[in-house]
């Protein structure tokens, strides 16, 4: 599935910020391989959990990653994140330039 953004939209700007950020890119790479919990990502990447949650919230807001609920250890509910789109497209000039 492809996620398309109008070049001038706030969503495109937010995606661009995450793509320009080392942590944002690494999260997307890891979530493209398999769904993971924020805690697992923080431990694997060696960064604080609030940092992971900040970037995941931004990516989820624009629809690049999605959250699913599942059962973790001790049958507690946990959130798993995964990439929702394999491709990200920026349209310059919005929908007017489509042919």
N, C-alpha and C. Protein backbone atom coordinates (compact mmCIF):
# COMPACT_ATOMS: atom_id res chain seq x y z
N UNK A 1 0.83 -1.17 0.00
CA UNK A 1 0.00 0.00 0.00
C UNK A 1 0.89 1.25 0.00
N UNK A 2 0.49 2.26 -0.73
CA UNK A 2 1.24 3.50 -0.83
C UNK A 2 0.53 4.60 -0.06
N UNK A 3 1.28 5.36 0.71
CA UNK A 3 0.75 6.51 1.44
C UNK A 3 1.18 7.76 0.68
N UNK A 4 0.20 8.56 0.22
CA UNK A 4 0.48 9.73 -0.59
C UNK A 4 0.14 11.01 0.18
N UNK A 5 1.04 11.97 0.11
CA UNK A 5 0.87 13.24 0.80
C UNK A 5 1.00 14.39 -0.17
N UNK A 6 0.15 15.41 0.00
CA UNK A 6 0.30 16.66 -0.72
C UNK A 6 1.57 17.33 -0.19
N UNK A 7 2.43 17.76 -1.07
CA UNK A 7 3.72 18.33 -0.75
C UNK A 7 3.65 19.45 0.28
N UNK A 8 2.61 20.28 0.23
CA UNK A 8 2.49 21.42 1.12
C UNK A 8 1.70 21.15 2.40
N UNK A 9 1.25 19.94 2.60
CA UNK A 9 0.41 19.64 3.77
C UNK A 9 1.26 19.52 5.04
N UNK A 10 0.60 19.70 6.17
CA UNK A 10 1.29 19.53 7.45
C UNK A 10 1.72 18.08 7.64
N UNK A 11 0.94 17.14 7.07
CA UNK A 11 1.29 15.73 7.19
C UNK A 11 2.61 15.43 6.47
N UNK A 12 2.78 16.00 5.27
CA UNK A 12 4.01 15.80 4.52
C UNK A 12 5.20 16.36 5.29
N UNK A 13 5.00 17.50 5.91
CA UNK A 13 6.09 18.12 6.68
C UNK A 13 6.47 17.25 7.88
N UNK A 14 5.47 16.66 8.52
CA UNK A 14 5.73 15.80 9.67
C UNK A 14 6.46 14.53 9.23
N UNK A 15 6.04 13.94 8.12
CA UNK A 15 6.73 12.76 7.59
C UNK A 15 8.16 13.11 7.23
N UNK A 16 8.36 14.26 6.59
CA UNK A 16 9.71 14.69 6.21
C UNK A 16 10.60 14.87 7.43
N UNK A 17 10.04 15.42 8.50
CA UNK A 17 10.82 15.57 9.73
C UNK A 17 11.26 14.21 10.27
N UNK A 18 10.37 13.24 10.23
CA UNK A 18 10.72 11.91 10.72
C UNK A 18 11.72 11.20 9.80
N UNK A 19 11.59 11.39 8.50
CA UNK A 19 12.54 10.80 7.57
C UNK A 19 13.93 11.44 7.71
N UNK A 20 13.97 12.70 8.08
CA UNK A 20 15.24 13.40 8.26
C UNK A 20 15.90 13.07 9.60
N UNK A 21 15.14 12.46 10.49
CA UNK A 21 15.62 12.14 11.82
C UNK A 21 16.11 10.70 11.88
N UNK A 22 17.29 10.51 12.45
CA UNK A 22 17.89 9.17 12.54
C UNK A 22 16.99 8.19 13.29
N UNK A 23 16.39 8.64 14.39
CA UNK A 23 15.53 7.76 15.19
C UNK A 23 14.26 7.42 14.42
N UNK A 24 13.65 8.40 13.77
CA UNK A 24 12.44 8.16 12.97
C UNK A 24 12.69 7.13 11.88
N UNK A 25 13.81 7.27 11.16
CA UNK A 25 14.15 6.31 10.10
C UNK A 25 14.39 4.92 10.67
N UNK A 26 15.11 4.84 11.79
CA UNK A 26 15.41 3.53 12.38
C UNK A 26 14.13 2.85 12.87
N UNK A 27 13.22 3.61 13.47
CA UNK A 27 11.95 3.03 13.90
C UNK A 27 11.19 2.46 12.71
N UNK A 28 11.13 3.21 11.62
CA UNK A 28 10.41 2.74 10.44
C UNK A 28 11.05 1.47 9.86
N UNK A 29 12.38 1.42 9.86
CA UNK A 29 13.07 0.22 9.36
C UNK A 29 12.73 -0.99 10.22
N UNK A 30 12.80 -0.82 11.52
CA UNK A 30 12.52 -1.94 12.43
C UNK A 30 11.06 -2.39 12.36
N UNK A 31 10.15 -1.44 12.27
CA UNK A 31 8.73 -1.78 12.21
C UNK A 31 8.32 -2.36 10.87
N UNK A 32 9.13 -2.14 9.86
CA UNK A 32 8.88 -2.74 8.55
C UNK A 32 9.18 -4.23 8.56
N UNK A 33 10.09 -4.65 9.44
CA UNK A 33 10.46 -6.06 9.54
C UNK A 33 9.41 -6.85 10.30
N UNK A 34 8.99 -6.33 11.46
CA UNK A 34 7.98 -7.00 12.28
C UNK A 34 7.36 -6.02 13.27
N UNK A 35 6.11 -6.25 13.67
CA UNK A 35 5.49 -5.40 14.68
C UNK A 35 6.24 -5.52 16.01
N UNK A 36 6.37 -4.40 16.71
CA UNK A 36 7.09 -4.39 17.98
C UNK A 36 6.43 -3.44 18.96
N UNK A 37 6.70 -3.67 20.23
CA UNK A 37 6.20 -2.78 21.27
C UNK A 37 7.18 -1.62 21.45
N UNK A 38 6.68 -0.50 21.96
CA UNK A 38 7.59 0.62 22.22
C UNK A 38 8.73 0.25 23.18
N UNK A 39 8.43 -0.55 24.19
CA UNK A 39 9.47 -0.97 25.14
C UNK A 39 10.56 -1.78 24.46
N UNK A 40 10.15 -2.69 23.60
CA UNK A 40 11.12 -3.51 22.87
C UNK A 40 11.98 -2.63 21.97
N UNK A 41 11.36 -1.68 21.30
CA UNK A 41 12.11 -0.77 20.43
C UNK A 41 13.12 0.06 21.23
N UNK A 42 12.68 0.58 22.37
CA UNK A 42 13.57 1.40 23.20
C UNK A 42 14.77 0.59 23.68
N UNK A 43 14.52 -0.64 24.12
CA UNK A 43 15.62 -1.50 24.59
C UNK A 43 16.56 -1.86 23.45
N UNK A 44 16.01 -2.24 22.30
CA UNK A 44 16.83 -2.66 21.16
C UNK A 44 17.66 -1.50 20.61
N UNK A 45 17.12 -0.30 20.64
CA UNK A 45 17.82 0.86 20.09
C UNK A 45 18.66 1.59 21.13
N UNK A 46 18.48 1.26 22.40
CA UNK A 46 19.24 1.90 23.46
C UNK A 46 18.89 3.36 23.67
N UNK A 47 17.60 3.68 23.52
CA UNK A 47 17.14 5.06 23.71
C UNK A 47 15.98 5.06 24.70
N UNK A 48 15.69 6.21 25.31
CA UNK A 48 14.61 6.27 26.30
C UNK A 48 13.24 5.98 25.69
N UNK A 49 12.39 5.34 26.46
CA UNK A 49 11.03 5.02 26.03
C UNK A 49 10.24 6.27 25.62
N UNK A 50 10.31 7.40 26.37
CA UNK A 50 9.57 8.59 25.94
C UNK A 50 9.98 9.09 24.55
N UNK A 51 11.23 8.91 24.19
CA UNK A 51 11.69 9.31 22.85
C UNK A 51 11.03 8.44 21.79
N UNK A 52 10.98 7.15 22.03
CA UNK A 52 10.32 6.23 21.10
C UNK A 52 8.85 6.58 20.97
N UNK A 53 8.18 6.81 22.09
CA UNK A 53 6.75 7.14 22.07
C UNK A 53 6.48 8.45 21.33
N UNK A 54 7.36 9.42 21.47
CA UNK A 54 7.22 10.69 20.77
C UNK A 54 7.23 10.47 19.25
N UNK A 55 8.22 9.73 18.77
CA UNK A 55 8.33 9.49 17.33
C UNK A 55 7.21 8.60 16.80
N UNK A 56 6.83 7.60 17.57
CA UNK A 56 5.72 6.74 17.15
C UNK A 56 4.41 7.53 17.06
N UNK A 57 4.18 8.43 18.00
CA UNK A 57 2.96 9.24 17.97
C UNK A 57 2.92 10.11 16.71
N UNK A 58 4.04 10.68 16.33
CA UNK A 58 4.10 11.50 15.12
C UNK A 58 3.85 10.66 13.88
N UNK A 59 4.47 9.49 13.82
CA UNK A 59 4.30 8.61 12.66
C UNK A 59 2.88 8.06 12.58
N UNK A 60 2.28 7.78 13.73
CA UNK A 60 0.91 7.28 13.75
C UNK A 60 -0.08 8.38 13.36
N UNK A 61 0.18 9.60 13.78
CA UNK A 61 -0.70 10.73 13.45
C UNK A 61 -0.88 10.89 11.95
N UNK A 62 0.17 10.69 11.19
CA UNK A 62 0.10 10.85 9.73
C UNK A 62 -0.22 9.54 9.02
N UNK A 63 -0.35 8.45 9.76
CA UNK A 63 -0.77 7.19 9.18
C UNK A 63 0.33 6.35 8.57
N UNK A 64 1.58 6.64 8.89
CA UNK A 64 2.69 5.86 8.35
C UNK A 64 2.91 4.57 9.16
N UNK A 65 2.61 4.64 10.45
CA UNK A 65 2.61 3.43 11.28
C UNK A 65 1.24 3.30 11.91
N UNK A 66 0.91 2.08 12.28
CA UNK A 66 -0.37 1.84 12.95
C UNK A 66 -0.15 1.00 14.19
N UNK A 67 -1.08 1.13 15.12
CA UNK A 67 -1.00 0.45 16.40
C UNK A 67 -2.06 -0.64 16.48
N UNK A 68 -1.65 -1.78 16.96
CA UNK A 68 -2.57 -2.89 17.23
C UNK A 68 -2.40 -3.30 18.68
N UNK A 69 -3.47 -3.70 19.27
CA UNK A 69 -3.40 -4.18 20.66
C UNK A 69 -3.32 -5.70 20.66
N UNK A 70 -2.54 -6.22 21.57
CA UNK A 70 -2.40 -7.66 21.70
C UNK A 70 -2.07 -8.00 23.14
N UNK A 71 -1.88 -9.27 23.37
CA UNK A 71 -1.53 -9.72 24.72
C UNK A 71 -0.04 -9.97 24.81
N UNK A 72 0.56 -9.44 25.86
CA UNK A 72 1.98 -9.62 26.09
C UNK A 72 2.22 -10.63 27.19
N UNK A 73 3.36 -10.50 27.81
CA UNK A 73 3.70 -11.38 28.93
C UNK A 73 2.69 -11.19 30.05
N UNK A 74 2.41 -12.23 30.74
CA UNK A 74 1.44 -12.23 31.84
C UNK A 74 0.05 -11.82 31.39
N UNK A 75 -0.23 -12.02 30.11
CA UNK A 75 -1.53 -11.76 29.52
C UNK A 75 -2.02 -10.32 29.72
N UNK A 76 -1.08 -9.39 29.78
CA UNK A 76 -1.44 -7.98 29.86
C UNK A 76 -1.58 -7.42 28.45
N UNK A 77 -2.48 -6.47 28.29
CA UNK A 77 -2.66 -5.84 26.99
C UNK A 77 -1.48 -4.91 26.69
N UNK A 78 -0.91 -5.06 25.48
CA UNK A 78 0.19 -4.21 25.05
C UNK A 78 -0.10 -3.69 23.64
N UNK A 79 0.58 -2.61 23.29
CA UNK A 79 0.43 -2.05 21.95
C UNK A 79 1.61 -2.48 21.09
N UNK A 80 1.28 -2.98 19.91
CA UNK A 80 2.28 -3.32 18.91
C UNK A 80 2.17 -2.35 17.75
N UNK A 81 3.28 -1.83 17.30
CA UNK A 81 3.29 -0.91 16.18
C UNK A 81 3.89 -1.59 14.96
N UNK A 82 3.37 -1.22 13.78
CA UNK A 82 3.93 -1.73 12.53
C UNK A 82 3.78 -0.66 11.46
N UNK A 83 4.58 -0.79 10.41
CA UNK A 83 4.50 0.14 9.28
C UNK A 83 3.21 -0.16 8.53
N UNK A 84 2.47 0.88 8.19
CA UNK A 84 1.21 0.67 7.48
C UNK A 84 1.36 0.83 5.97
N UNK A 85 2.46 1.42 5.52
CA UNK A 85 2.68 1.63 4.09
C UNK A 85 4.12 1.31 3.74
N UNK A 86 4.32 0.59 2.66
CA UNK A 86 5.66 0.27 2.18
C UNK A 86 6.25 1.43 1.38
N UNK A 87 5.39 2.29 0.84
CA UNK A 87 5.85 3.40 0.02
C UNK A 87 5.24 4.70 0.51
N UNK A 88 6.05 5.77 0.47
CA UNK A 88 5.59 7.10 0.81
C UNK A 88 5.83 7.98 -0.41
N UNK A 89 4.77 8.67 -0.87
CA UNK A 89 4.87 9.51 -2.06
C UNK A 89 4.47 10.94 -1.68
N UNK A 90 5.27 11.90 -2.16
CA UNK A 90 4.95 13.31 -1.99
C UNK A 90 4.54 13.87 -3.35
N UNK A 91 3.34 14.41 -3.43
CA UNK A 91 2.84 15.01 -4.67
C UNK A 91 3.08 16.51 -4.62
N UNK A 92 3.88 17.00 -5.55
CA UNK A 92 4.15 18.43 -5.63
C UNK A 92 2.98 19.10 -6.33
N UNK A 93 2.43 20.10 -5.71
CA UNK A 93 1.29 20.80 -6.30
C UNK A 93 -0.04 20.16 -6.01
N UNK A 94 -0.05 19.14 -5.17
CA UNK A 94 -1.31 18.51 -4.79
C UNK A 94 -1.97 17.74 -5.91
N UNK A 95 -3.28 17.67 -5.86
CA UNK A 95 -4.07 16.87 -6.79
C UNK A 95 -4.22 17.53 -8.16
N UNK A 96 -3.97 18.83 -8.27
CA UNK A 96 -4.18 19.56 -9.53
C UNK A 96 -3.29 19.03 -10.66
N UNK A 97 -2.10 18.55 -10.31
CA UNK A 97 -1.14 18.13 -11.34
C UNK A 97 -1.30 16.70 -11.79
N UNK A 98 -2.27 15.97 -11.26
CA UNK A 98 -2.48 14.59 -11.68
C UNK A 98 -3.06 14.55 -13.08
N UNK A 99 -2.60 13.59 -13.89
CA UNK A 99 -3.10 13.44 -15.25
C UNK A 99 -3.62 12.05 -15.46
